[in-house]
PDB file of N, CA and C in Angstrom:
ATOM      1  N   MET A   1     148.455 113.890 105.559  1.00  0.00           N
ATOM      2  CA  MET A   1     149.351 113.246 107.077  1.00  0.00           C
ATOM      3  C   MET A   1     150.161 112.487 106.802  1.00  0.00           C
ATOM      4  N   SER A   2     150.905 112.558 107.605  1.00  0.00           N
ATOM      5  CA  SER A   2     151.642 111.026 107.340  1.00  0.00           C
ATOM      6  C   SER A   2     152.958 111.083 108.551  1.00  0.00           C
ATOM      7  N   VAL A   3     153.396 109.779 108.497  1.00  0.00           N
ATOM      8  CA  VAL A   3     154.362 109.801 109.923  1.00  0.00           C
ATOM      9  C   VAL A   3     155.389 108.838 109.386  1.00  0.00           C
ATOM     10  N   THR A   4     156.869 109.648 109.673  1.00  0.00           N
ATOM     11  CA  THR A   4     158.089 108.735 109.121  1.00  0.00           C
ATOM     12  C   THR A   4     158.696 108.569 110.532  1.00  0.00           C
ATOM     13  N   ILE A   5     159.074 107.431 110.348  1.00  0.00           N
ATOM     14  CA  ILE A   5     160.043 106.981 111.167  1.00  0.00           C
ATOM     15  C   ILE A   5     161.661 106.345 111.019  1.00  0.00           C
ATOM     16  N   ARG A   6     162.553 107.288 111.716  1.00  0.00           N
ATOM     17  CA  ARG A   6     163.973 106.722 111.037  1.00  0.00           C
ATOM     18  C   ARG A   6     164.825 106.845 112.434  1.00  0.00           C
ATOM     19  N   PRO A   7     165.910 106.150 112.549  1.00  0.00           N
ATOM     20  CA  PRO A   7     166.906 105.946 113.559  1.00  0.00           C
ATOM     21  C   PRO A   7     167.505 107.519 113.525  1.00  0.00           C
ATOM     22  N   TYR A   8     167.501 107.636 115.002  1.00  0.00           N
ATOM     23  CA  TYR A   8     168.365 108.974 115.851  1.00  0.00           C
ATOM     24  C   TYR A   8     169.733 109.029 115.483  1.00  0.00           C
ATOM     25  N   ARG A   9     170.466 109.928 115.574  1.00  0.00           N
ATOM     26  CA  ARG A   9     172.267 109.735 115.449  1.00  0.00           C
ATOM     27  C   ARG A   9     172.597 109.019 116.678  1.00  0.00           C
ATOM     28  N   ARG A  10     171.603 109.476 118.384  1.00  0.00           N
ATOM     29  CA  ARG A  10     172.331 109.437 119.227  1.00  0.00           C
ATOM     30  C   ARG A  10     171.616 108.121 119.832  1.00  0.00           C
ATOM     31  N   GLY A  11     171.114 107.824 119.030  1.00  0.00           N
ATOM     32  CA  GLY A  11     170.023 106.331 119.628  1.00  0.00           C
ATOM     33  C   GLY A  11     168.540 106.682 119.426  1.00  0.00           C
ATOM     34  N   GLY A  12     167.683 105.636 119.825  1.00  0.00           N
ATOM     35  CA  GLY A  12     166.240 105.915 119.680  1.00  0.00           C
ATOM     36  C   GLY A  12     165.906 106.406 118.354  1.00  0.00           C
ATOM     37  N   TRP A  13     164.663 107.359 118.182  1.00  0.00           N
ATOM     38  CA  TRP A  13     163.768 106.907 116.755  1.00  0.00           C
ATOM     39  C   TRP A  13     164.021 108.447 116.804  1.00  0.00           C
ATOM     40  N   GLU A  14     163.671 108.820 115.748  1.00  0.00           N
ATOM     41  CA  GLU A  14     163.269 110.440 114.980  1.00  0.00           C
ATOM     42  C   GLU A  14     161.919 110.272 114.270  1.00  0.00           C
ATOM     43  N   VAL A  15     160.926 111.089 114.553  1.00  0.00           N
ATOM     44  CA  VAL A  15     159.495 111.272 114.508  1.00  0.00           C
ATOM     45  C   VAL A  15     159.571 112.691 113.442  1.00  0.00           C
ATOM     46  N   ASP A  16     159.112 112.047 112.056  1.00  0.00           N
ATOM     47  CA  ASP A  16     158.774 113.293 111.059  1.00  0.00           C
ATOM     48  C   ASP A  16     157.036 113.477 110.727  1.00  0.00           C
ATOM     49  N   ILE A  17     156.599 114.094 111.094  1.00  0.00           N
ATOM     50  CA  ILE A  17     155.156 114.214 111.304  1.00  0.00           C
ATOM     51  C   ILE A  17     154.486 115.266 110.466  1.00  0.00           C
ATOM     52  N   ARG A  18     153.990 115.068 109.423  1.00  0.00           N
ATOM     53  CA  ARG A  18     153.585 116.274 108.426  1.00  0.00           C
ATOM     54  C   ARG A  18     151.657 116.110 108.695  1.00  0.00           C
ATOM     55  N   VAL A  19     151.440 117.292 108.652  1.00  0.00           N
ATOM     56  CA  VAL A  19     149.819 117.370 108.891  1.00  0.00           C
ATOM     57  C   VAL A  19     149.672 118.511 107.920  1.00  0.00           C
ATOM     58  N   VAL A  20     148.376 118.023 107.030  1.00  0.00           N
ATOM     59  CA  VAL A  20     148.025 118.706 105.973  1.00  0.00           C
ATOM     60  C   VAL A  20     146.054 118.868 106.057  1.00  0.00           C
ATOM     61  N   THR A  21     145.657 120.035 106.592  1.00  0.00           N
ATOM     62  CA  THR A  21     144.145 120.132 106.099  1.00  0.00           C
ATOM     63  C   THR A  21     143.254 119.262 105.075  1.00  0.00           C
ATOM     64  N   PRO A  22     141.860 119.046 105.203  1.00  0.00           N
ATOM     65  CA  PRO A  22     141.575 118.031 104.131  1.00  0.00           C
ATOM     66  C   PRO A  22     141.477 119.220 102.897  1.00  0.00           C
ATOM     67  N   ASP A  23     141.662 120.387 103.203  1.00  0.00           N
ATOM     68  CA  ASP A  23     141.691 121.231 101.711  1.00  0.00           C
ATOM     69  C   ASP A  23     142.643 121.613 101.181  1.00  0.00           C
ATOM     70  N   GLY A  24     143.789 121.280 101.903  1.00  0.00           N
ATOM     71  CA  GLY A  24     145.092 121.472 101.604  1.00  0.00           C
ATOM     72  C   GLY A  24     145.704 123.024 101.891  1.00  0.00           C
ATOM     73  N   ALA A  25     145.185 123.761 102.430  1.00  0.00           N
ATOM     74  CA  ALA A  25     145.074 125.044 102.800  1.00  0.00           C
ATOM     75  C   ALA A  25     146.458 125.383 103.730  1.00  0.00           C
ATOM     76  N   GLN A  26     146.302 124.887 104.828  1.00  0.00           N
ATOM     77  CA  GLN A  26     147.432 124.935 105.876  1.00  0.00           C
ATOM     78  C   GLN A  26     147.985 123.515 105.883  1.00  0.00           C
ATOM     79  N   GLN A  27     149.349 123.596 106.493  1.00  0.00           N
ATOM     80  CA  GLN A  27     150.235 122.066 106.774  1.00  0.00           C
ATOM     81  C   GLN A  27     151.252 122.680 107.975  1.00  0.00           C
ATOM     82  N   PHE A  28     151.386 121.563 108.344  1.00  0.00           N
ATOM     83  CA  PHE A  28     152.565 121.700 109.824  1.00  0.00           C
ATOM     84  C   PHE A  28     153.275 120.440 109.747  1.00  0.00           C
ATOM     85  N   ARG A  29     154.722 120.727 109.902  1.00  0.00           N
ATOM     86  CA  ARG A  29     155.403 119.728 110.136  1.00  0.00           C
ATOM     87  C   ARG A  29     156.293 120.091 111.195  1.00  0.00           C
ATOM     88  N   GLU A  30     156.294 118.864 111.951  1.00  0.00           N
ATOM     89  CA  GLU A  30     157.237 118.524 113.220  1.00  0.00           C
ATOM     90  C   GLU A  30     158.276 117.335 113.175  1.00  0.00           C
ATOM     91  N   ARG A  31     159.264 117.421 113.397  1.00  0.00           N
ATOM     92  CA  ARG A  31     160.522 116.735 113.529  1.00  0.00           C
ATOM     93  C   ARG A  31     161.019 116.754 115.268  1.00  0.00           C
ATOM     94  N   LYS A  32     160.846 115.511 115.515  1.00  0.00           N
ATOM     95  CA  LYS A  32     160.943 115.295 117.170  1.00  0.00           C
ATOM     96  C   LYS A  32     161.896 113.878 117.353  1.00  0.00           C
ATOM     97  N   ARG A  33     162.598 113.816 118.337  1.00  0.00           N
ATOM     98  CA  ARG A  33     163.249 112.634 118.974  1.00  0.00           C
ATOM     99  C   ARG A  33     161.803 112.091 119.701  1.00  0.00           C
ATOM    100  N   ALA A  34     161.458 110.590 119.524  1.00  0.00           N
ATOM    101  CA  ALA A  34     160.477 110.174 120.130  1.00  0.00           C
ATOM    102  C   ALA A  34     161.009 109.888 121.496  1.00  0.00           C
ATOM    103  N   PRO A  35     160.289 110.136 122.578  1.00  0.00           N
ATOM    104  CA  PRO A  35     160.587 109.747 124.087  1.00  0.00           C
ATOM    105  C   PRO A  35     160.630 108.591 124.364  1.00  0.00           C
ATOM    106  N   VAL A  36     160.570 107.511 123.633  1.00  0.00           N
ATOM    107  CA  VAL A  36     160.168 106.021 124.053  1.00  0.00           C
ATOM    108  C   VAL A  36     161.481 105.558 123.146  1.00  0.00           C
ATOM    109  N   SER A  37     161.911 103.979 123.524  1.00  0.00           N
ATOM    110  CA  SER A  37     162.889 103.575 122.993  1.00  0.00           C
ATOM    111  C   SER A  37     162.722 102.506 121.803  1.00  0.00           C
ATOM    112  N   SER A  38     161.329 101.682 121.684  1.00  0.00           N
ATOM    113  CA  SER A  38     161.784 100.822 120.686  1.00  0.00           C
ATOM    114  C   SER A  38     160.554 101.640 119.367  1.00  0.00           C
ATOM    115  N   ARG A  39     160.825 100.976 117.990  1.00  0.00           N
ATOM    116  CA  ARG A  39     160.377 101.435 117.171  1.00  0.00           C
ATOM    117  C   ARG A  39     159.049 101.193 117.180  1.00  0.00           C
ATOM    118  N   SER A  40     158.568 100.202 117.440  1.00  0.00           N
ATOM    119  CA  SER A  40     156.891 100.073 117.909  1.00  0.00           C
ATOM    120  C   SER A  40     156.119 101.098 118.389  1.00  0.00           C
ATOM    121  N   ALA A  41     156.872 101.422 119.537  1.00  0.00           N
ATOM    122  CA  ALA A  41     156.132 102.185 120.509  1.00  0.00           C
ATOM    123  C   ALA A  41     156.626 103.986 120.064  1.00  0.00           C
ATOM    124  N   ALA A  42     157.410 104.064 119.110  1.00  0.00           N
ATOM    125  CA  ALA A  42     157.586 105.289 118.570  1.00  0.00           C
ATOM    126  C   ALA A  42     156.835 105.286 117.538  1.00  0.00           C
ATOM    127  N   VAL A  43     156.161 104.787 116.873  1.00  0.00           N
ATOM    128  CA  VAL A  43     155.309 104.674 115.960  1.00  0.00           C
ATOM    129  C   VAL A  43     153.713 104.613 116.551  1.00  0.00           C
ATOM    130  N   ARG A  44     153.458 104.067 117.596  1.00  0.00           N
ATOM    131  CA  ARG A  44     152.390 104.389 118.091  1.00  0.00           C
ATOM    132  C   ARG A  44     152.241 105.724 119.189  1.00  0.00           C
ATOM    133  N   TRP A  45     153.389 106.424 119.336  1.00  0.00           N
ATOM    134  CA  TRP A  45     153.371 107.715 120.244  1.00  0.00           C
ATOM    135  C   TRP A  45     153.370 108.375 118.786  1.00  0.00           C
ATOM    136  N   ALA A  46     154.338 108.448 117.672  1.00  0.00           N
ATOM    137  CA  ALA A  46     153.878 109.358 116.655  1.00  0.00           C
ATOM    138  C   ALA A  46     152.554 109.466 116.009  1.00  0.00           C
ATOM    139  N   GLU A  47     151.820 108.394 116.292  1.00  0.00           N
ATOM    140  CA  GLU A  47     150.299 108.514 115.637  1.00  0.00           C
ATOM    141  C   GLU A  47     149.472 109.467 116.386  1.00  0.00           C
ATOM    142  N   GLY A  48     149.771 109.206 117.729  1.00  0.00           N
ATOM    143  CA  GLY A  48     148.966 109.970 119.208  1.00  0.00           C
ATOM    144  C   GLY A  48     149.092 111.309 118.746  1.00  0.00           C
ATOM    145  N   ARG A  49     150.580 111.899 118.534  1.00  0.00           N
ATOM    146  CA  ARG A  49     151.051 113.107 118.283  1.00  0.00           C
ATOM    147  C   ARG A  49     150.231 113.595 117.073  1.00  0.00           C
ATOM    148  N   GLU A  50     150.357 112.680 115.925  1.00  0.00           N
ATOM    149  CA  GLU A  50     150.045 113.493 114.736  1.00  0.00           C
ATOM    150  C   GLU A  50     148.244 113.844 115.327  1.00  0.00           C
ATOM    151  N   ARG A  51     147.376 113.134 115.691  1.00  0.00           N
ATOM    152  CA  ARG A  51     146.240 113.347 116.130  1.00  0.00           C
ATOM    153  C   ARG A  51     146.145 114.751 116.860  1.00  0.00           C
ATOM    154  N   VAL A  52     146.952 114.769 117.795  1.00  0.00           N
ATOM    155  CA  VAL A  52     147.133 115.830 118.417  1.00  0.00           C
ATOM    156  C   VAL A  52     147.183 117.489 117.751  1.00  0.00           C
ATOM    157  N   LEU A  53     148.125 117.234 116.672  1.00  0.00           N
ATOM    158  CA  LEU A  53     148.637 118.232 115.792  1.00  0.00           C
ATOM    159  C   LEU A  53     147.551 118.703 115.038  1.00  0.00           C
ATOM    160  N   PHE A  54     146.749 117.609 114.048  1.00  0.00           N
ATOM    161  CA  PHE A  54     145.585 118.038 113.589  1.00  0.00           C
ATOM    162  C   PHE A  54     144.475 118.573 114.237  1.00  0.00           C
ATOM    163  N   GLU A  55     144.290 118.073 115.557  1.00  0.00           N
ATOM    164  CA  GLU A  55     143.410 119.027 116.132  1.00  0.00           C
ATOM    165  C   GLU A  55     143.645 120.393 115.938  1.00  0.00           C
ATOM    166  N   ARG A  56     144.895 120.602 116.494  1.00  0.00           N
ATOM    167  CA  ARG A  56     145.336 121.863 116.650  1.00  0.00           C
ATOM    168  C   ARG A  56     145.391 122.921 115.314  1.00  0.00           C
ATOM    169  N   LEU A  57     145.800 122.296 114.659  1.00  0.00           N
ATOM    170  CA  LEU A  57     145.615 122.761 113.132  1.00  0.00           C
ATOM    171  C   LEU A  57     144.362 123.164 112.490  1.00  0.00           C
ATOM    172  N   MET A  58     143.387 122.107 112.900  1.00  0.00           N
ATOM    173  CA  MET A  58     141.965 121.973 112.739  1.00  0.00           C
ATOM    174  C   MET A  58     141.213 123.636 113.685  1.00  0.00           C
ATOM    175  N   ASN A  59     141.369 123.546 115.001  1.00  0.00           N
ATOM    176  CA  ASN A  59     140.890 124.115 116.055  1.00  0.00           C
ATOM    177  C   ASN A  59     141.993 124.927 116.392  1.00  0.00           C
ATOM    178  N   PRO A  60     142.496 126.271 116.137  1.00  0.00           N
ATOM    179  CA  PRO A  60     143.467 127.034 116.804  1.00  0.00           C
ATOM    180  C   PRO A  60     142.873 127.752 117.768  1.00  0.00           C
ATOM    181  N   LEU A  61     141.889 127.958 118.084  1.00  0.00           N
ATOM    182  CA  LEU A  61     141.452 129.054 118.752  1.00  0.00           C
ATOM    183  C   LEU A  61     141.144 128.422 120.250  1.00  0.00           C
ATOM    184  N   GLN A  62     141.248 126.820 120.516  1.00  0.00           N
ATOM    185  CA  GLN A  62     141.167 126.173 121.535  1.00  0.00           C
ATOM    186  C   GLN A  62     142.352 125.938 122.466  1.00  0.00           C
ATOM    187  N   GLU A  63     143.478 125.904 121.878  1.00  0.00           N
ATOM    188  CA  GLU A  63     144.651 126.136 122.220  1.00  0.00           C
ATOM    189  C   GLU A  63     144.932 127.539 123.323  1.00  0.00           C
ATOM    190  N   LEU A  64     144.593 128.489 122.913  1.00  0.00           N
ATOM    191  CA  LEU A  64     144.588 129.870 123.445  1.00  0.00           C
ATOM    192  C   LEU A  64     143.723 129.979 124.728  1.00  0.00           C
ATOM    193  N   ALA A  65     144.317 130.072 125.890  1.00  0.00           N
ATOM    194  CA  ALA A  65     143.930 129.758 126.905  1.00  0.00           C
ATOM    195  C   ALA A  65     143.792 131.736 127.800  1.00  0.00           C
ATOM    196  N   PRO A  66     142.899 131.677 128.575  1.00  0.00           N
ATOM    197  CA  PRO A  66     143.036 133.080 129.241  1.00  0.00           C
ATOM    198  C   PRO A  66     144.164 133.359 130.322  1.00  0.00           C
ATOM    199  N   PRO A  67     144.860 134.057 130.338  1.00  0.00           N
ATOM    200  CA  PRO A  67     146.244 134.230 131.451  1.00  0.00           C
ATOM    201  C   PRO A  67     145.438 133.947 132.706  1.00  0.00           C
ATOM    202  N   LYS A  68     146.328 133.538 133.238  1.00  0.00           N
ATOM    203  CA  LYS A  68     146.163 133.296 134.790  1.00  0.00           C
ATOM    204  C   LYS A  68     146.063 134.471 135.617  1.00  0.00           C
ATOM    205  N   GLU A  69     145.225 134.782 136.604  1.00  0.00           N
ATOM    206  CA  GLU A  69     145.533 135.936 137.403  1.00  0.00           C
ATOM    207  C   GLU A  69     146.135 135.494 138.524  1.00  0.00           C
ATOM    208  N   VAL A  70     147.336 136.155 138.590  1.00  0.00           N
ATOM    209  CA  VAL A  70     148.339 135.565 139.764  1.00  0.00           C
ATOM    210  C   VAL A  70     148.065 137.100 140.985  1.00  0.00           C
ATOM    211  N   PRO A  71     147.948 136.597 142.233  1.00  0.00           N
ATOM    212  CA  PRO A  71     147.884 137.646 143.125  1.00  0.00           C
ATOM    213  C   PRO A  71     149.340 138.052 143.877  1.00  0.00           C
ATOM    214  N   THR A  72     149.078 139.753 143.770  1.00  0.00           N
ATOM    215  CA  THR A  72     150.412 140.265 144.312  1.00  0.00           C
ATOM    216  C   THR A  72     150.548 139.599 145.855  1.00  0.00           C
ATOM    217  N   LEU A  73     151.997 139.696 146.368  1.00  0.00           N
ATOM    218  CA  LEU A  73     152.093 139.424 147.477  1.00  0.00           C
ATOM    219  C   LEU A  73     151.490 139.855 148.362  1.00  0.00           C
ATOM    220  N   ARG A  74     151.077 141.374 148.415  1.00  0.00           N
ATOM    221  CA  ARG A  74     150.231 142.081 149.295  1.00  0.00           C
ATOM    222  C   ARG A  74     148.538 141.215 149.531  1.00  0.00           C
ATOM    223  N   GLU A  75     148.068 140.542 148.506  1.00  0.00           N
ATOM    224  CA  GLU A  75     147.029 140.170 148.491  1.00  0.00           C
ATOM    225  C   GLU A  75     147.087 138.479 149.148  1.00  0.00           C
ATOM    226  N   PHE A  76     148.309 138.350 148.817  1.00  0.00           N
ATOM    227  CA  PHE A  76     148.676 136.426 148.880  1.00  0.00           C
ATOM    228  C   PHE A  76     148.784 136.363 150.423  1.00  0.00           C
ATOM    229  N   ALA A  77     149.497 137.493 150.937  1.00  0.00           N
ATOM    230  CA  ALA A  77     150.162 137.292 152.565  1.00  0.00           C
ATOM    231  C   ALA A  77     149.014 136.793 153.394  1.00  0.00           C
ATOM    232  N   PRO A  78     147.945 137.546 153.659  1.00  0.00           N
ATOM    233  CA  PRO A  78     146.891 137.261 154.620  1.00  0.00           C
ATOM    234  C   PRO A  78     146.334 135.833 154.092  1.00  0.00           C
ATOM    235  N   ARG A  79     146.085 135.772 152.746  1.00  0.00           N
ATOM    236  CA  ARG A  79     145.509 134.397 152.389  1.00  0.00           C
ATOM    237  C   ARG A  79     146.245 133.265 153.044  1.00  0.00           C
ATOM    238  N   PHE A  80     147.363 133.319 152.843  1.00  0.00           N
ATOM    239  CA  PHE A  80     148.673 132.564 153.092  1.00  0.00           C
ATOM    240  C   PHE A  80     148.417 132.207 154.916  1.00  0.00           C
ATOM    241  N   LEU A  81     148.505 133.152 155.615  1.00  0.00           N
ATOM    242  CA  LEU A  81     148.352 132.916 156.864  1.00  0.00           C
ATOM    243  C   LEU A  81     147.054 132.336 157.433  1.00  0.00           C
ATOM    244  N   GLU A  82     146.142 132.842 156.689  1.00  0.00           N
ATOM    245  CA  GLU A  82     144.549 132.102 157.263  1.00  0.00           C
ATOM    246  C   GLU A  82     144.537 130.766 156.561  1.00  0.00           C
ATOM    247  N   GLY A  83     144.949 130.502 155.253  1.00  0.00           N
ATOM    248  CA  GLY A  83     144.481 129.604 154.793  1.00  0.00           C
ATOM    249  C   GLY A  83     145.486 128.271 154.931  1.00  0.00           C
ATOM    250  N   HIS A  84     146.635 128.555 155.265  1.00  0.00           N
ATOM    251  CA  HIS A  84     147.553 127.386 155.174  1.00  0.00           C
ATOM    252  C   HIS A  84     147.952 127.628 156.943  1.00  0.00           C
ATOM    253  N   ALA A  85     148.500 128.620 157.408  1.00  0.00           N
ATOM    254  CA  ALA A  85     148.941 128.501 158.809  1.00  0.00           C
ATOM    255  C   ALA A  85     148.141 128.097 159.658  1.00  0.00           C
ATOM    256  N   ARG A  86     147.033 129.062 159.718  1.00  0.00           N
ATOM    257  CA  ARG A  86     145.825 128.511 160.891  1.00  0.00           C
ATOM    258  C   ARG A  86     144.921 127.282 160.215  1.00  0.00           C
ATOM    259  N   ALA A  87     144.981 127.485 159.384  1.00  0.00           N
ATOM    260  CA  ALA A  87     144.137 126.073 158.825  1.00  0.00           C
ATOM    261  C   ALA A  87     144.688 124.865 158.999  1.00  0.00           C
ATOM    262  N   ASN A  88     146.159 124.735 159.140  1.00  0.00           N
ATOM    263  CA  ASN A  88     146.727 123.427 159.546  1.00  0.00           C
ATOM    264  C   ASN A  88     146.878 123.402 160.892  1.00  0.00           C
ATOM    265  N   ARG A  89     146.257 124.454 161.346  1.00  0.00           N
ATOM    266  CA  ARG A  89     146.641 124.215 163.005  1.00  0.00           C
ATOM    267  C   ARG A  89     147.707 124.528 163.505  1.00  0.00           C
ATOM    268  N   GLN A  90     148.841 125.180 162.882  1.00  0.00           N
ATOM    269  CA  GLN A  90     150.385 125.553 163.262  1.00  0.00           C
ATOM    270  C   GLN A  90     150.487 125.738 164.647  1.00  0.00           C
ATOM    271  N   LYS A  91     151.611 125.898 165.404  1.00  0.00           N
ATOM    272  CA  LYS A  91     151.759 126.625 166.366  1.00  0.00           C
ATOM    273  C   LYS A  91     151.545 128.118 166.703  1.00  0.00           C
ATOM    274  N   PRO A  92     151.482 128.614 167.462  1.00  0.00           N
ATOM    275  CA  PRO A  92     151.279 129.798 167.711  1.00  0.00           C
ATOM    276  C   PRO A  92     152.344 130.757 167.454  1.00  0.00           C
ATOM    277  N   SER A  93     153.539 129.955 167.736  1.00  0.00           N
ATOM    278  CA  SER A  93     155.003 130.666 167.823  1.00  0.00           C
ATOM    279  C   SER A  93     155.306 130.630 166.041  1.00  0.00           C
ATOM    280  N   GLY A  94     154.820 129.758 165.681  1.00  0.00           N
ATOM    281  CA  GLY A  94     155.131 129.502 164.041  1.00  0.00           C
ATOM    282  C   GLY A  94     154.228 130.330 163.461  1.00  0.00           C
ATOM    283  N   ILE A  95     152.863 130.702 163.462  1.00  0.00           N
ATOM    284  CA  ILE A  95     152.048 131.814 162.988  1.00  0.00           C
ATOM    285  C   ILE A  95     152.768 133.233 163.228  1.00  0.00           C
ATOM    286  N   ALA A  96     153.060 133.380 164.425  1.00  0.00           N
ATOM    287  CA  ALA A  96     153.775 134.674 164.529  1.00  0.00           C
ATOM    288  C   ALA A  96     155.281 134.997 163.957  1.00  0.00           C
ATOM    289  N   ALA A  97     155.849 133.607 163.867  1.00  0.00           N
ATOM    290  CA  ALA A  97     157.125 133.801 162.987  1.00  0.00           C
ATOM    291  C   ALA A  97     156.880 134.206 161.547  1.00  0.00           C
ATOM    292  N   LYS A  98     156.081 133.537 161.051  1.00  0.00           N
ATOM    293  CA  LYS A  98     155.261 134.028 159.563  1.00  0.00           C
ATOM    294  C   LYS A  98     155.296 135.434 159.362  1.00  0.00           C
ATOM    295  N   GLU A  99     153.874 135.507 160.615  1.00  0.00           N
ATOM    296  CA  GLU A  99     153.765 137.417 160.355  1.00  0.00           C
ATOM    297  C   GLU A  99     154.895 138.191 160.713  1.00  0.00           C
ATOM    298  N   MET A 100     155.729 137.532 161.469  1.00  0.00           N
ATOM    299  CA  MET A 100     156.994 138.509 161.519  1.00  0.00           C
ATOM    300  C   MET A 100     157.874 139.024 160.310  1.00  0.00           C
ATOM    301  N   ILE A 101     158.111 137.971 159.462  1.00  0.00           N
ATOM    302  CA  ILE A 101     158.873 137.458 158.693  1.00  0.00           C
ATOM    303  C   ILE A 101     158.246 138.455 157.140  1.00  0.00           C
ATOM    304  N   ILE A 102     156.658 138.121 157.254  1.00  0.00           N
ATOM    305  CA  ILE A 102     156.278 139.033 155.839  1.00  0.00           C
ATOM    306  C   ILE A 102     156.143 140.221 156.460  1.00  0.00           C
ATOM    307  N   ARG A 103     156.325 141.103 157.834  1.00  0.00           N
ATOM    308  CA  ARG A 103     156.125 142.244 158.000  1.00  0.00           C
ATOM    309  C   ARG A 103     157.334 142.488 157.943  1.00  0.00           C
ATOM    310  N   VAL A 104     158.313 142.237 158.638  1.00  0.00           N
ATOM    311  CA  VAL A 104     159.524 142.525 158.400  1.00  0.00           C
ATOM    312  C   VAL A 104     160.251 142.626 156.839  1.00  0.00           C
ATOM    313  N   THR A 105     160.210 141.695 156.082  1.00  0.00           N
ATOM    314  CA  THR A 105     160.809 141.392 154.884  1.00  0.00           C
ATOM    315  C   THR A 105     160.229 142.398 153.753  1.00  0.00           C
ATOM    316  N   SER A 106     159.035 141.735 153.466  1.00  0.00           N
ATOM    317  CA  SER A 106     158.156 142.282 152.506  1.00  0.00           C
ATOM    318  C   SER A 106     157.422 143.482 152.580  1.00  0.00           C
ATOM    319  N   ARG A 107     156.727 143.613 153.364  1.00  0.00           N
ATOM    320  CA  ARG A 107     155.907 144.959 153.697  1.00  0.00           C
ATOM    321  C   ARG A 107     156.497 146.240 153.519  1.00  0.00           C
ATOM    322  N   PRO A 108     157.466 146.313 154.173  1.00  0.00           N
ATOM    323  CA  PRO A 108     158.100 147.727 153.631  1.00  0.00           C
ATOM    324  C   PRO A 108     158.550 147.701 152.298  1.00  0.00           C
ATOM    325  N   CYS A 109     158.515 146.733 151.267  1.00  0.00           N
ATOM    326  CA  CYS A 109     158.979 147.233 150.285  1.00  0.00           C
ATOM    327  C   CYS A 109     157.460 146.899 149.147  1.00  0.00           C
ATOM    328  N   TRP A 110     156.424 147.023 149.633  1.00  0.00           N
ATOM    329  CA  TRP A 110     154.989 146.948 149.054  1.00  0.00           C
ATOM    330  C   TRP A 110     154.503 148.150 148.342  1.00  0.00           C
ATOM    331  N   VAL A 111     154.852 148.316 147.270  1.00  0.00           N
ATOM    332  CA  VAL A 111     154.636 149.758 146.500  1.00  0.00           C
ATOM    333  C   VAL A 111     153.399 149.972 145.886  1.00  0.00           C
ATOM    334  N   THR A 112     152.392 151.111 145.879  1.00  0.00           N
ATOM    335  CA  THR A 112     151.438 151.304 145.316  1.00  0.00           C
ATOM    336  C   THR A 112     151.478 151.730 143.990  1.00  0.00           C
ATOM    337  N   LYS A 113     150.833 152.114 143.062  1.00  0.00           N
ATOM    338  CA  LYS A 113     150.975 152.595 142.240  1.00  0.00           C
ATOM    339  C   LYS A 113     151.427 154.263 141.802  1.00  0.00           C
ATOM    340  N   SER A 114     150.937 154.153 143.180  1.00  0.00           N
ATOM    341  CA  SER A 114     151.112 156.073 143.142  1.00  0.00           C
ATOM    342  C   SER A 114     152.137 156.462 143.973  1.00  0.00           C
ATOM    343  N   SER A 115     153.052 155.624 143.931  1.00  0.00           N
ATOM    344  CA  SER A 115     154.324 155.753 144.970  1.00  0.00           C
ATOM    345  C   SER A 115     155.776 155.963 143.689  1.00  0.00           C
ATOM    346  N   THR A 116     156.422 156.997 144.313  1.00  0.00           N
ATOM    347  CA  THR A 116     157.361 157.362 143.207  1.00  0.00           C
ATOM    348  C   THR A 116     158.863 156.527 143.248  1.00  0.00           C
ATOM    349  N   ARG A 117     159.434 156.749 142.132  1.00  0.00           N
ATOM    350  CA  ARG A 117     160.786 155.958 142.387  1.00  0.00           C
ATOM    351  C   ARG A 117     161.618 155.977 143.667  1.00  0.00           C
ATOM    352  N   SER A 118     161.469 157.138 144.437  1.00  0.00           N
ATOM    353  CA  SER A 118     162.435 157.116 145.283  1.00  0.00           C
ATOM    354  C   SER A 118     162.208 156.494 146.317  1.00  0.00           C
ATOM    355  N   LYS A 119     160.715 155.873 146.569  1.00  0.00           N
ATOM    356  CA  LYS A 119     160.359 154.606 147.576  1.00  0.00           C
ATOM    357  C   LYS A 119     160.558 153.277 147.323  1.00  0.00           C
ATOM    358  N   VAL A 120     160.838 153.416 145.675  1.00  0.00           N
ATOM    359  CA  VAL A 120     161.629 151.708 145.595  1.00  0.00           C
ATOM    360  C   VAL A 120     162.847 151.944 145.887  1.00  0.00           C
ATOM    361  N   LYS A 121     163.693 153.046 145.401  1.00  0.00           N
ATOM    362  CA  LYS A 121     165.307 152.793 145.490  1.00  0.00           C
ATOM    363  C   LYS A 121     165.319 152.578 147.024  1.00  0.00           C
ATOM    364  N   THR A 122     165.107 153.412 147.940  1.00  0.00           N
ATOM    365  CA  THR A 122     165.251 153.325 149.424  1.00  0.00           C
ATOM    366  C   THR A 122     164.758 152.078 149.908  1.00  0.00           C
ATOM    367  N   CYS A 123     163.751 151.384 149.190  1.00  0.00           N
ATOM    368  CA  CYS A 123     163.415 150.230 149.615  1.00  0.00           C
ATOM    369  C   CYS A 123     164.497 148.826 149.228  1.00  0.00           C
ATOM    370  N   ASN A 124     165.100 149.076 147.844  1.00  0.00           N
ATOM    371  CA  ASN A 124     166.521 148.294 147.526  1.00  0.00           C
ATOM    372  C   ASN A 124     167.701 149.087 148.449  1.00  0.00           C
ATOM    373  N   THR A 125     167.663 150.082 148.516  1.00  0.00           N
ATOM    374  CA  THR A 125     169.069 149.983 149.423  1.00  0.00           C
ATOM    375  C   THR A 125     169.020 149.792 150.904  1.00  0.00           C
ATOM    376  N   SER A 126     167.826 149.610 151.314  1.00  0.00           N
ATOM    377  CA  SER A 126     167.802 148.866 152.913  1.00  0.00           C
ATOM    378  C   SER A 126     167.961 147.312 152.566  1.00  0.00           C
ATOM    379  N   LYS A 127     167.708 146.916 151.900  1.00  0.00           N
ATOM    380  CA  LYS A 127     167.775 145.517 151.761  1.00  0.00           C
ATOM    381  C   LYS A 127     168.984 145.151 151.624  1.00  0.00           C
ATOM    382  N   ALA A 128     169.748 146.062 150.855  1.00  0.00           N
ATOM    383  CA  ALA A 128     171.452 145.676 150.465  1.00  0.00           C
ATOM    384  C   ALA A 128     171.854 146.173 151.490  1.00  0.00           C
ATOM    385  N   ALA A 129     171.891 146.922 152.523  1.00  0.00           N
ATOM    386  CA  ALA A 129     172.241 147.219 154.191  1.00  0.00           C
ATOM    387  C   ALA A 129     172.539 146.218 154.773  1.00  0.00           C
TER     388      ALA A 129
END
């Protein structure tokens, strides 16, 4: 493992980090511009980055996170109205406006898996009009 600091062309410092596993089987190299301005700060930043890269090289499975479950608009709309608009005690007219916007603009385009392409096309053409 080594860290080399050299002046960057446009000012600042370039950091060259080389990380090798103890058995020498795997190696990784990263060259970046340091996000700090002084040389001593660039050295400290590079040494910290070197530790992070070494940990990633030794334990690559920790890096993979499970994909985040993102709700569809159909699932999110009622939760938004209950959890945000009503929970924050917004005016009834504001809640009614949000419900109307959801009903008029997005609800006609909610498509199920069993729907056909014609439903999608009609939804797209009705928005264009």
